[in-house]
Structure formats: C-alpha cells, structure tokens
Amino acid sequence: MPRHGLRIYLAIPALALVAQPFTAAQAQTAASLRSDADAGATATQPSAAGIRPSHLWTADYLGLLWSDTGAVLTSPSRWDQEDWTYAGFAAAGIGAAASLDSTLKNHVQANRTAGEDNFFRQYQNLGSIWSFGIIGAFEVWGEACGDTVAKNTAMDALTASIIGPGLIGTSVKYAVGRERPSTTSRTFKFRPFSGNQAFPSGHAAQAFAVATAIAENYPTWWVQTLCYGGAGLVAFARVEQDAHYTSDVVAGSLLGWAVARAVVHRHQGPPNPRKLSWSPYANGNGAGLVFFKPF
C-alpha cells in the first residue's frame, strides 16, 4: 500500500484511541450519576431533556442559548484544580503541535496526491455547511419521531456551534491574526486584527463541536469512534489543503470538544460534585502533591 494511502487508514484507529480516555471518563461519571440517582430513588426522576426546552425553535431556546453563552464565557472563574490541570495539558498539547508545524506541513504537502486532494476538498465541508445539515437531520428526526435524544443532540450541537466556533473561535481568529500556510513562508507570522484567520481552525472546531454533542448523547464506543474519527479527518483535511498548520487544528479541535462537552453537561442538569482534587503538601521529609476524591 502506498505510504500516503496507509496514512489515511491509520488516522481513524489512532483518533479512536485518543478518544478512549474521554469515553472512559464519561462512563465513570455516568456510573456515578446512576449511583446517586439510585440512592435518591424516592425523589422525582428528572426529565430526559434536562434543562432544555421542549423545542429548538422556541423563545425558550433563545433564553437557554443566552444563559449557556454566559456560563461558558465565565467558566474559568469557577474552575478548580482539576479544570486548570486539564487547561494546562491542552495548552501544552497546542505548544507541542506548534513545534511540529513546519515539519508536518512539509511532510503532508510533499505526499499530497490528486486523489486525496479531491477527497479532502469535499470532506472538509463536514466542518462547515454539511455539519449544519447533520444538526438539522437530528432535529427533524427528533420532532417527527418524538425522539428526545435526537432533539437533545440537535440542540446541544447547535448551541456548541454558536458559542465555540462561532463566538469564541471567530474572536480569537481576529485577535491572533495568524497567516495561513498557503500565504506565507514563515510558520509563525501573526498580524492581529489584520483579517488573517488561521488560528484556531474553525472547521476543526465545528467538526468536533458536532461530533462531541453526538458522542455525549449516544455514549457507545462505535458512535464515539465514528464521531471523533470523522472529526479528526476534517482536521487533517485542513492541513492537507494547506489551509492550517497542525497547531491550528489541534487548538480548534480542543475548543469544539471542550465547549460542546460543557454545553451537554450543563443541559443535562447539575454537575457531579465528585471531582478529583489536589493539594500541595510539605513536611520535614519532603514535598509533593496529594490527590483526593470524595465518595
């Protein structure tokens, strides 16, 4: 098999492995929530819709979107140690990707073929207009068949798309002003508020926002593999099309995933308080960190 062909077929299982820690974490959270629900069996069971309104096309949804936007934008003020640790890992990942921007750009462009180019030119639309077709399909199915999970998915995906790629992503793009690899020979060329919009990748953010909304509402391994693998190929498509550097798509992917996950969990109801925490300690024999979690 040609090297460039092998690269495509290795992409999906590799991305599936990346998604597994998130899958495991969600499974643990879901199990904890079920345990809490069993303990309070005498209480009224919450609606499957959570805090979502009955329909996407109502004024109530606009109110939810407004409150979601405020909650997401102000969320760093409520982060705990675990949240800041994850944010640090994300920043480190973007930095690591940035160190490989030039190398990966040259490698991908050197192995670019006409067949791959035609495929990815169309496939990248899953990170733009086609993604809204997917959202619409879930909404139509949910309304027509009375499928609450499908309606939840459409509402979560649209909300995450508006807040993540739409509001946050666009604002950061203009503020950072990174030039695209197709327009400059310098890997790190930034001109804030110049109209350059390479960082972060909007297509990657949109693809992961929709993929995460689906994966969170349908928490089975094959759905998550399909969603995250498909979104990962959108991210690769943007590098292959010479529209973004690797760090651009990594940042966009993390943005879409984080916002969509926050939106879904907020819509489902109060967050699980049983979170891993840490605290520094020191004594006469040494110093370190203590990790603890209430049960």
C-alpha atoms as a PDB file:
ATOM      1  CA  MET A   1       0.000   0.000   0.000  1.00  0.00           C
ATOM      2  CA  PRO A   2       1.400   3.428  -0.836  1.00  0.00           C
ATOM      3  CA  ARG A   3       2.627   5.453   2.115  1.00  0.00           C
ATOM      4  CA  HIS A   4       0.063   8.221   1.606  1.00  0.00           C
ATOM      5  CA  GLY A   5      -2.748   5.663   1.477  1.00  0.00           C
ATOM      6  CA  LEU A   6      -1.565   3.996   4.670  1.00  0.00           C
ATOM      7  CA  ARG A   7      -1.619   7.372   6.409  1.00  0.00           C
ATOM      8  CA  ILE A   8      -5.353   7.738   5.749  1.00  0.00           C
ATOM      9  CA  TYR A   9      -6.258   4.272   7.019  1.00  0.00           C
ATOM     10  CA  LEU A  10      -4.202   4.695  10.174  1.00  0.00           C
ATOM     11  CA  ALA A  11      -5.890   8.002  11.010  1.00  0.00           C
ATOM     12  CA  ILE A  12      -9.255   6.651  12.212  1.00  0.00           C
ATOM     13  CA  PRO A  13      -7.999   3.962  14.651  1.00  0.00           C
ATOM     14  CA  ALA A  14      -5.389   6.370  16.011  1.00  0.00           C
ATOM     15  CA  LEU A  15      -8.028   9.012  16.677  1.00  0.00           C
ATOM     16  CA  ALA A  16     -10.250   6.373  18.234  1.00  0.00           C
ATOM     17  CA  LEU A  17      -7.501   5.590  20.747  1.00  0.00           C
ATOM     18  CA  VAL A  18      -7.215   9.295  21.555  1.00  0.00           C
ATOM     19  CA  ALA A  19     -10.950   9.414  22.245  1.00  0.00           C
ATOM     20  CA  GLN A  20     -10.920   6.428  24.636  1.00  0.00           C
ATOM     21  CA  PRO A  21      -9.778   8.308  27.790  1.00  0.00           C
ATOM     22  CA  PHE A  22     -12.682  10.710  27.300  1.00  0.00           C
ATOM     23  CA  THR A  23     -15.021   7.740  26.799  1.00  0.00           C
ATOM     24  CA  ALA A  24     -13.801   6.079  29.980  1.00  0.00           C
ATOM     25  CA  ALA A  25     -14.126   9.287  31.971  1.00  0.00           C
ATOM     26  CA  GLN A  26     -17.682   9.766  30.773  1.00  0.00           C
ATOM     27  CA  ALA A  27     -18.556   6.154  31.613  1.00  0.00           C
ATOM     28  CA  GLN A  28     -17.247   6.667  35.138  1.00  0.00           C
ATOM     29  CA  THR A  29     -19.225   9.901  35.501  1.00  0.00           C
ATOM     30  CA  ALA A  30     -22.379   8.238  34.160  1.00  0.00           C
ATOM     31  CA  ALA A  31     -21.972   5.349  36.608  1.00  0.00           C
ATOM     32  CA  SER A  32     -21.553   7.799  39.480  1.00  0.00           C
ATOM     33  CA  LEU A  33     -24.655   9.716  38.426  1.00  0.00           C
ATOM     34  CA  ARG A  34     -26.657   6.494  38.231  1.00  0.00           C
ATOM     35  CA  SER A  35     -25.479   5.564  41.712  1.00  0.00           C
ATOM     36  CA  ASP A  36     -26.573   8.951  43.041  1.00  0.00           C
ATOM     37  CA  ALA A  37     -29.944   8.558  41.364  1.00  0.00           C
ATOM     38  CA  ASP A  38     -30.448   5.116  42.915  1.00  0.00           C
ATOM     39  CA  ALA A  39     -29.613   6.485  46.360  1.00  0.00           C
ATOM     40  CA  GLY A  40     -32.370   9.075  45.986  1.00  0.00           C
ATOM     41  CA  ALA A  41     -34.942   6.815  44.403  1.00  0.00           C
ATOM     42  CA  THR A  42     -37.750   8.398  46.372  1.00  0.00           C
ATOM     43  CA  ALA A  43     -37.194  11.711  44.535  1.00  0.00           C
ATOM     44  CA  THR A  44     -38.869  12.510  41.245  1.00  0.00           C
ATOM     45  CA  GLN A  45     -36.824  11.387  38.249  1.00  0.00           C
ATOM     46  CA  PRO A  46     -35.521  14.320  36.146  1.00  0.00           C
ATOM     47  CA  SER A  47     -36.718  14.774  32.605  1.00  0.00           C
ATOM     48  CA  ALA A  48     -34.603  13.237  29.845  1.00  0.00           C
ATOM     49  CA  ALA A  49     -34.424  16.715  28.335  1.00  0.00           C
ATOM     50  CA  GLY A  50     -32.638  18.087  31.407  1.00  0.00           C
ATOM     51  CA  ILE A  51     -32.883  21.898  31.436  1.00  0.00           C
ATOM     52  CA  ARG A  52     -33.509  22.038  27.689  1.00  0.00           C
ATOM     53  CA  PRO A  53     -36.805  23.458  26.402  1.00  0.00           C
ATOM     54  CA  SER A  54     -39.175  21.154  24.562  1.00  0.00           C
ATOM     55  CA  HIS A  55     -38.277  22.516  21.123  1.00  0.00           C
ATOM     56  CA  LEU A  56     -35.323  24.163  19.417  1.00  0.00           C
ATOM     57  CA  TRP A  57     -37.428  26.705  17.551  1.00  0.00           C
ATOM     58  CA  THR A  58     -38.944  28.485  20.567  1.00  0.00           C
ATOM     59  CA  ALA A  59     -38.145  31.660  22.511  1.00  0.00           C
ATOM     60  CA  ASP A  60     -37.216  29.430  25.441  1.00  0.00           C
ATOM     61  CA  TYR A  61     -34.266  28.130  23.444  1.00  0.00           C
ATOM     62  CA  LEU A  62     -33.003  31.678  22.907  1.00  0.00           C
ATOM     63  CA  GLY A  63     -33.062  32.137  26.665  1.00  0.00           C
ATOM     64  CA  LEU A  64     -31.125  28.913  27.134  1.00  0.00           C
ATOM     65  CA  LEU A  65     -28.576  29.956  24.492  1.00  0.00           C
ATOM     66  CA  TRP A  66     -28.075  33.285  26.258  1.00  0.00           C
ATOM     67  CA  SER A  67     -27.520  31.635  29.638  1.00  0.00           C
ATOM     68  CA  ASP A  68     -25.247  28.987  28.111  1.00  0.00           C
ATOM     69  CA  THR A  69     -23.116  31.678  26.487  1.00  0.00           C
ATOM     70  CA  GLY A  70     -22.681  33.490  29.773  1.00  0.00           C
ATOM     71  CA  ALA A  71     -21.906  30.264  31.616  1.00  0.00           C
ATOM     72  CA  VAL A  72     -19.269  29.147  29.109  1.00  0.00           C
ATOM     73  CA  LEU A  73     -17.561  32.535  28.824  1.00  0.00           C
ATOM     74  CA  THR A  74     -17.331  32.959  32.592  1.00  0.00           C
ATOM     75  CA  SER A  75     -16.497  29.327  33.384  1.00  0.00           C
ATOM     76  CA  PRO A  76     -12.751  29.939  34.034  1.00  0.00           C
ATOM     77  CA  SER A  77     -13.740  31.949  37.117  1.00  0.00           C
ATOM     78  CA  ARG A  78     -15.282  28.749  38.541  1.00  0.00           C
ATOM     79  CA  TRP A  79     -12.571  26.261  37.564  1.00  0.00           C
ATOM     80  CA  ASP A  80     -10.993  24.118  40.260  1.00  0.00           C
ATOM     81  CA  GLN A  81      -7.591  22.416  40.322  1.00  0.00           C
ATOM     82  CA  GLU A  82      -8.709  19.638  38.002  1.00  0.00           C
ATOM     83  CA  ASP A  83     -10.052  22.067  35.422  1.00  0.00           C
ATOM     84  CA  TRP A  84      -6.870  24.147  35.457  1.00  0.00           C
ATOM     85  CA  THR A  85      -4.804  20.982  35.154  1.00  0.00           C
ATOM     86  CA  TYR A  86      -6.723  19.977  32.033  1.00  0.00           C
ATOM     87  CA  ALA A  87      -6.330  23.504  30.636  1.00  0.00           C
ATOM     88  CA  GLY A  88      -2.591  23.232  31.210  1.00  0.00           C
ATOM     89  CA  PHE A  89      -2.466  19.907  29.372  1.00  0.00           C
ATOM     90  CA  ALA A  90      -4.411  21.433  26.481  1.00  0.00           C
ATOM     91  CA  ALA A  91      -2.028  24.401  26.245  1.00  0.00           C
ATOM     92  CA  ALA A  92       0.936  22.036  26.364  1.00  0.00           C
ATOM     93  CA  GLY A  93      -0.588  19.964  23.564  1.00  0.00           C
ATOM     94  CA  ILE A  94      -1.049  23.018  21.378  1.00  0.00           C
ATOM     95  CA  GLY A  95       2.525  24.084  22.103  1.00  0.00           C
ATOM     96  CA  ALA A  96       3.853  20.631  21.240  1.00  0.00           C
ATOM     97  CA  ALA A  97       1.909  20.681  17.971  1.00  0.00           C
ATOM     98  CA  ALA A  98       3.277  24.147  17.181  1.00  0.00           C
ATOM     99  CA  SER A  99       6.823  22.820  17.479  1.00  0.00           C
ATOM    100  CA  LEU A 100       5.997  20.393  14.656  1.00  0.00           C
ATOM    101  CA  ASP A 101       4.073  22.838  12.438  1.00  0.00           C
ATOM    102  CA  SER A 102       6.781  23.301   9.822  1.00  0.00           C
ATOM    103  CA  THR A 103       7.848  19.644   9.756  1.00  0.00           C
ATOM    104  CA  LEU A 104       4.330  18.274   9.396  1.00  0.00           C
ATOM    105  CA  LYS A 105       3.334  20.874   6.823  1.00  0.00           C
ATOM    106  CA  ASN A 106       6.293  19.946   4.624  1.00  0.00           C
ATOM    107  CA  HIS A 107       5.665  16.220   5.048  1.00  0.00           C
ATOM    108  CA  VAL A 108       1.950  16.384   4.251  1.00  0.00           C
ATOM    109  CA  GLN A 109       2.397  18.685   1.263  1.00  0.00           C
ATOM    110  CA  ALA A 110       5.240  16.552  -0.128  1.00  0.00           C
ATOM    111  CA  ASN A 111       2.971  13.480  -0.087  1.00  0.00           C
ATOM    112  CA  ARG A 112      -0.157  15.235  -1.364  1.00  0.00           C
ATOM    113  CA  THR A 113      -1.856  13.451  -4.278  1.00  0.00           C
ATOM    114  CA  ALA A 114      -4.619  14.456  -6.657  1.00  0.00           C
ATOM    115  CA  GLY A 115      -6.951  11.749  -5.356  1.00  0.00           C
ATOM    116  CA  GLU A 116      -6.528  12.705  -1.718  1.00  0.00           C
ATOM    117  CA  ASP A 117      -6.799  16.371  -2.618  1.00  0.00           C
ATOM    118  CA  ASN A 118     -10.170  15.894  -4.324  1.00  0.00           C
ATOM    119  CA  PHE A 119     -11.479  13.774  -1.451  1.00  0.00           C
ATOM    120  CA  PHE A 120     -10.430  16.132   1.351  1.00  0.00           C
ATOM    121  CA  ARG A 121     -11.605  19.218  -0.546  1.00  0.00           C
ATOM    122  CA  GLN A 122     -15.133  17.835  -0.252  1.00  0.00           C
ATOM    123  CA  TYR A 123     -14.765  16.083   3.096  1.00  0.00           C
ATOM    124  CA  GLN A 124     -13.713  19.261   4.889  1.00  0.00           C
ATOM    125  CA  ASN A 125     -17.273  20.549   4.430  1.00  0.00           C
ATOM    126  CA  LEU A 126     -18.209  18.379   7.421  1.00  0.00           C
ATOM    127  CA  GLY A 127     -16.563  21.154   9.390  1.00  0.00           C
ATOM    128  CA  SER A 128     -18.738  23.841   7.817  1.00  0.00           C
ATOM    129  CA  ILE A 129     -22.039  23.745   5.930  1.00  0.00           C
ATOM    130  CA  TRP A 130     -22.502  19.963   5.991  1.00  0.00           C
ATOM    131  CA  SER A 131     -22.311  19.913   9.785  1.00  0.00           C
ATOM    132  CA  PHE A 132     -25.459  22.041   9.978  1.00  0.00           C
ATOM    133  CA  GLY A 133     -27.168  19.525   7.722  1.00  0.00           C
ATOM    134  CA  ILE A 134     -26.340  16.857  10.306  1.00  0.00           C
ATOM    135  CA  ILE A 135     -27.756  19.040  13.087  1.00  0.00           C
ATOM    136  CA  GLY A 136     -30.896  19.590  11.028  1.00  0.00           C
ATOM    137  CA  ALA A 137     -31.262  15.867  10.397  1.00  0.00           C
ATOM    138  CA  PHE A 138     -31.228  15.135  14.142  1.00  0.00           C
ATOM    139  CA  GLU A 139     -33.781  17.888  14.754  1.00  0.00           C
ATOM    140  CA  VAL A 140     -36.147  16.692  12.003  1.00  0.00           C
ATOM    141  CA  TRP A 141     -35.892  13.076  13.154  1.00  0.00           C
ATOM    142  CA  GLY A 142     -36.431  14.045  16.773  1.00  0.00           C
ATOM    143  CA  GLU A 143     -39.510  16.131  16.047  1.00  0.00           C
ATOM    144  CA  ALA A 144     -41.011  13.673  13.577  1.00  0.00           C
ATOM    145  CA  CYS A 145     -40.477  10.581  15.721  1.00  0.00           C
ATOM    146  CA  GLY A 146     -40.710  12.081  19.196  1.00  0.00           C
ATOM    147  CA  ASP A 147     -37.096  11.089  19.835  1.00  0.00           C
ATOM    148  CA  THR A 148     -35.946  13.179  22.798  1.00  0.00           C
ATOM    149  CA  VAL A 149     -32.302  12.113  22.500  1.00  0.00           C
ATOM    150  CA  ALA A 150     -32.169  13.222  18.865  1.00  0.00           C
ATOM    151  CA  LYS A 151     -33.715  16.589  19.759  1.00  0.00           C
ATOM    152  CA  ASN A 152     -31.269  16.962  22.634  1.00  0.00           C
ATOM    153  CA  THR A 153     -28.391  16.241  20.266  1.00  0.00           C
ATOM    154  CA  ALA A 154     -29.520  18.866  17.767  1.00  0.00           C
ATOM    155  CA  MET A 155     -29.958  21.483  20.500  1.00  0.00           C
ATOM    156  CA  ASP A 156     -26.584  20.703  22.083  1.00  0.00           C
ATOM    157  CA  ALA A 157     -24.753  20.688  18.743  1.00  0.00           C
ATOM    158  CA  LEU A 158     -26.268  23.967  17.558  1.00  0.00           C
ATOM    159  CA  THR A 159     -25.574  25.681  20.885  1.00  0.00           C
ATOM    160  CA  ALA A 160     -21.966  24.464  20.950  1.00  0.00           C
ATOM    161  CA  SER A 161     -21.510  25.566  17.326  1.00  0.00           C
ATOM    162  CA  ILE A 162     -22.722  29.081  18.058  1.00  0.00           C
ATOM    163  CA  ILE A 163     -20.671  29.543  21.224  1.00  0.00           C
ATOM    164  CA  GLY A 164     -17.492  27.629  20.316  1.00  0.00           C
ATOM    165  CA  PRO A 165     -16.516  28.074  16.657  1.00  0.00           C
ATOM    166  CA  GLY A 166     -18.978  30.915  16.142  1.00  0.00           C
ATOM    167  CA  LEU A 167     -18.304  33.295  19.025  1.00  0.00           C
ATOM    168  CA  ILE A 168     -15.071  32.229  20.729  1.00  0.00           C
ATOM    169  CA  GLY A 169     -13.294  30.840  17.677  1.00  0.00           C
ATOM    170  CA  THR A 170     -14.048  33.827  15.449  1.00  0.00           C
ATOM    171  CA  SER A 171     -12.990  36.307  18.138  1.00  0.00           C
ATOM    172  CA  VAL A 172      -9.693  34.526  18.735  1.00  0.00           C
ATOM    173  CA  LYS A 173      -9.039  34.280  14.991  1.00  0.00           C
ATOM    174  CA  TYR A 174      -9.239  38.042  14.534  1.00  0.00           C
ATOM    175  CA  ALA A 175      -7.334  38.800  17.725  1.00  0.00           C
ATOM    176  CA  VAL A 176      -4.451  36.437  16.906  1.00  0.00           C
ATOM    177  CA  GLY A 177      -4.304  37.129  13.163  1.00  0.00           C
ATOM    178  CA  ARG A 178      -2.150  34.164  12.174  1.00  0.00           C
ATOM    179  CA  GLU A 179      -1.453  33.852   8.466  1.00  0.00           C
ATOM    180  CA  ARG A 180      -2.340  30.638   6.687  1.00  0.00           C
ATOM    181  CA  PRO A 181       0.475  28.372   5.476  1.00  0.00           C
ATOM    182  CA  SER A 182      -0.666  28.869   1.884  1.00  0.00           C
ATOM    183  CA  THR A 183       0.005  32.622   2.073  1.00  0.00           C
ATOM    184  CA  THR A 184       3.371  32.832   3.860  1.00  0.00           C
ATOM    185  CA  SER A 185       6.676  31.013   4.100  1.00  0.00           C
ATOM    186  CA  ARG A 186       7.022  31.925   7.778  1.00  0.00           C
ATOM    187  CA  THR A 187       5.495  29.387  10.154  1.00  0.00           C
ATOM    188  CA  PHE A 188       4.792  31.848  12.956  1.00  0.00           C
ATOM    189  CA  LYS A 189       3.559  35.027  11.328  1.00  0.00           C
ATOM    190  CA  PHE A 190       0.917  36.876  13.325  1.00  0.00           C
ATOM    191  CA  ARG A 191      -0.780  40.152  12.445  1.00  0.00           C
ATOM    192  CA  PRO A 192      -3.562  40.778  14.987  1.00  0.00           C
ATOM    193  CA  PHE A 193      -6.814  42.220  13.621  1.00  0.00           C
ATOM    194  CA  SER A 194      -5.472  42.069  10.059  1.00  0.00           C
ATOM    195  CA  GLY A 195      -8.152  39.716   8.749  1.00  0.00           C
ATOM    196  CA  ASN A 196      -5.885  36.648   8.845  1.00  0.00           C
ATOM    197  CA  GLN A 197      -7.789  33.781  10.467  1.00  0.00           C
ATOM    198  CA  ALA A 198      -5.632  30.673  10.666  1.00  0.00           C
ATOM    199  CA  PHE A 199      -5.647  30.152  14.452  1.00  0.00           C
ATOM    200  CA  PRO A 200      -7.664  28.290  15.593  1.00  0.00           C
ATOM    201  CA  SER A 201      -9.169  26.216  12.799  1.00  0.00           C
ATOM    202  CA  GLY A 202     -12.889  26.928  12.521  1.00  0.00           C
ATOM    203  CA  HIS A 203     -13.537  23.751  10.538  1.00  0.00           C
ATOM    204  CA  ALA A 204     -11.871  21.584  13.194  1.00  0.00           C
ATOM    205  CA  ALA A 205     -13.734  23.397  15.980  1.00  0.00           C
ATOM    206  CA  GLN A 206     -17.078  22.944  14.232  1.00  0.00           C
ATOM    207  CA  ALA A 207     -16.453  19.292  13.399  1.00  0.00           C
ATOM    208  CA  PHE A 208     -15.511  18.460  16.982  1.00  0.00           C
ATOM    209  CA  ALA A 209     -18.363  20.504  18.448  1.00  0.00           C
ATOM    210  CA  VAL A 210     -20.930  18.491  16.484  1.00  0.00           C
ATOM    211  CA  ALA A 211     -19.077  15.192  16.950  1.00  0.00           C
ATOM    212  CA  THR A 212     -18.864  15.691  20.723  1.00  0.00           C
ATOM    213  CA  ALA A 213     -22.533  16.624  21.041  1.00  0.00           C
ATOM    214  CA  ILE A 214     -23.467  13.398  19.261  1.00  0.00           C
ATOM    215  CA  ALA A 215     -20.963  11.266  21.169  1.00  0.00           C
ATOM    216  CA  GLU A 216     -22.086  12.625  24.549  1.00  0.00           C
ATOM    217  CA  ASN A 217     -25.745  11.903  23.805  1.00  0.00           C
ATOM    218  CA  TYR A 218     -25.051   8.452  22.327  1.00  0.00           C
ATOM    219  CA  PRO A 219     -22.310   7.117  24.661  1.00  0.00           C
ATOM    220  CA  THR A 220     -21.412   3.897  22.866  1.00  0.00           C
ATOM    221  CA  TRP A 221     -17.910   3.056  21.659  1.00  0.00           C
ATOM    222  CA  TRP A 222     -18.768   2.750  17.977  1.00  0.00           C
ATOM    223  CA  VAL A 223     -20.636   6.078  17.864  1.00  0.00           C
ATOM    224  CA  GLN A 224     -17.768   7.827  19.606  1.00  0.00           C
ATOM    225  CA  THR A 225     -15.190   6.188  17.336  1.00  0.00           C
ATOM    226  CA  LEU A 226     -17.139   7.243  14.247  1.00  0.00           C
ATOM    227  CA  CYS A 227     -17.712  10.790  15.532  1.00  0.00           C
ATOM    228  CA  TYR A 228     -14.207  11.554  16.763  1.00  0.00           C
ATOM    229  CA  GLY A 229     -12.542   9.705  13.908  1.00  0.00           C
ATOM    230  CA  GLY A 230     -14.626  11.613  11.361  1.00  0.00           C
ATOM    231  CA  ALA A 231     -13.900  14.941  13.069  1.00  0.00           C
ATOM    232  CA  GLY A 232     -10.213  14.090  13.166  1.00  0.00           C
ATOM    233  CA  LEU A 233     -10.204  13.575   9.416  1.00  0.00           C
ATOM    234  CA  VAL A 234     -11.743  17.034   8.989  1.00  0.00           C
ATOM    235  CA  ALA A 235      -8.825  18.432  10.994  1.00  0.00           C
ATOM    236  CA  PHE A 236      -6.354  16.523   8.822  1.00  0.00           C
ATOM    237  CA  ALA A 237      -8.141  17.744   5.697  1.00  0.00           C
ATOM    238  CA  ARG A 238      -7.432  21.348   6.656  1.00  0.00           C
ATOM    239  CA  VAL A 239      -3.720  20.574   6.961  1.00  0.00           C
ATOM    240  CA  GLU A 240      -3.765  18.620   3.711  1.00  0.00           C
ATOM    241  CA  GLN A 241      -5.483  21.512   1.951  1.00  0.00           C
ATOM    242  CA  ASP A 242      -2.679  23.801   3.225  1.00  0.00           C
ATOM    243  CA  ALA A 243      -5.260  25.986   4.969  1.00  0.00           C
ATOM    244  CA  HIS A 244      -3.939  25.421   8.504  1.00  0.00           C
ATOM    245  CA  TYR A 245      -0.929  24.326  10.498  1.00  0.00           C
ATOM    246  CA  THR A 246      -1.197  21.370  12.869  1.00  0.00           C
ATOM    247  CA  SER A 247      -1.378  23.605  15.950  1.00  0.00           C
ATOM    248  CA  ASP A 248      -4.322  25.453  14.374  1.00  0.00           C
ATOM    249  CA  VAL A 249      -6.377  22.286  14.049  1.00  0.00           C
ATOM    250  CA  VAL A 250      -5.337  20.972  17.465  1.00  0.00           C
ATOM    251  CA  ALA A 251      -6.498  24.231  19.065  1.00  0.00           C
ATOM    252  CA  GLY A 252      -9.740  24.198  17.072  1.00  0.00           C
ATOM    253  CA  SER A 253     -10.422  20.573  17.943  1.00  0.00           C
ATOM    254  CA  LEU A 254      -9.912  21.207  21.652  1.00  0.00           C
ATOM    255  CA  LEU A 255     -12.127  24.291  21.504  1.00  0.00           C
ATOM    256  CA  GLY A 256     -15.003  22.446  19.831  1.00  0.00           C
ATOM    257  CA  TRP A 257     -14.698  19.441  22.146  1.00  0.00           C
ATOM    258  CA  ALA A 258     -14.473  21.468  25.359  1.00  0.00           C
ATOM    259  CA  VAL A 259     -17.376  23.816  24.599  1.00  0.00           C
ATOM    260  CA  ALA A 260     -19.667  21.026  23.372  1.00  0.00           C
ATOM    261  CA  ARG A 261     -18.924  18.877  26.406  1.00  0.00           C
ATOM    262  CA  ALA A 262     -19.581  21.794  28.745  1.00  0.00           C
ATOM    263  CA  VAL A 263     -22.861  22.569  26.980  1.00  0.00           C
ATOM    264  CA  VAL A 264     -24.103  18.978  27.063  1.00  0.00           C
ATOM    265  CA  HIS A 265     -23.285  18.513  30.742  1.00  0.00           C
ATOM    266  CA  ARG A 266     -24.910  21.828  31.621  1.00  0.00           C
ATOM    267  CA  HIS A 267     -28.051  20.890  29.702  1.00  0.00           C
ATOM    268  CA  GLN A 268     -28.254  17.533  31.452  1.00  0.00           C
ATOM    269  CA  GLY A 269     -28.537  19.142  34.874  1.00  0.00           C
ATOM    270  CA  PRO A 270     -26.384  19.898  37.933  1.00  0.00           C
ATOM    271  CA  PRO A 271     -22.757  18.747  37.557  1.00  0.00           C
ATOM    272  CA  ASN A 272     -21.401  15.810  39.520  1.00  0.00           C
ATOM    273  CA  PRO A 273     -19.620  17.200  42.612  1.00  0.00           C
ATOM    274  CA  ARG A 274     -17.382  14.165  42.996  1.00  0.00           C
ATOM    275  CA  LYS A 275     -14.385  15.590  41.193  1.00  0.00           C
ATOM    276  CA  LEU A 276     -10.714  14.750  41.618  1.00  0.00           C
ATOM    277  CA  SER A 277      -8.895  17.471  43.564  1.00  0.00           C
ATOM    278  CA  TRP A 278      -5.302  18.010  44.574  1.00  0.00           C
ATOM    279  CA  SER A 279      -3.366  19.962  47.136  1.00  0.00           C
ATOM    280  CA  PRO A 280       0.343  20.613  47.697  1.00  0.00           C
ATOM    281  CA  TYR A 281       1.955  19.441  50.917  1.00  0.00           C
ATOM    282  CA  ALA A 282       5.335  19.817  52.590  1.00  0.00           C
ATOM    283  CA  ASN A 283       6.917  18.439  55.749  1.00  0.00           C
ATOM    284  CA  GLY A 284      10.352  17.885  57.165  1.00  0.00           C
ATOM    285  CA  ASN A 285      10.962  14.919  54.857  1.00  0.00           C
ATOM    286  CA  GLY A 286       9.919  16.387  51.532  1.00  0.00           C
ATOM    287  CA  ALA A 287       7.171  17.974  49.467  1.00  0.00           C
ATOM    288  CA  GLY A 288       4.683  16.914  46.824  1.00  0.00           C
ATOM    289  CA  LEU A 289       1.024  16.767  45.790  1.00  0.00           C
ATOM    290  CA  VAL A 290      -1.843  14.923  47.423  1.00  0.00           C
ATOM    291  CA  PHE A 291      -4.710  13.835  45.179  1.00  0.00           C
ATOM    292  CA  PHE A 292      -8.090  13.143  46.751  1.00  0.00           C
ATOM    293  CA  LYS A 293     -11.672  12.474  45.693  1.00  0.00           C
ATOM    294  CA  PRO A 294     -14.767  12.338  47.937  1.00  0.00           C
ATOM    295  CA  PHE A 295     -17.080   9.348  47.700  1.00  0.00           C
END
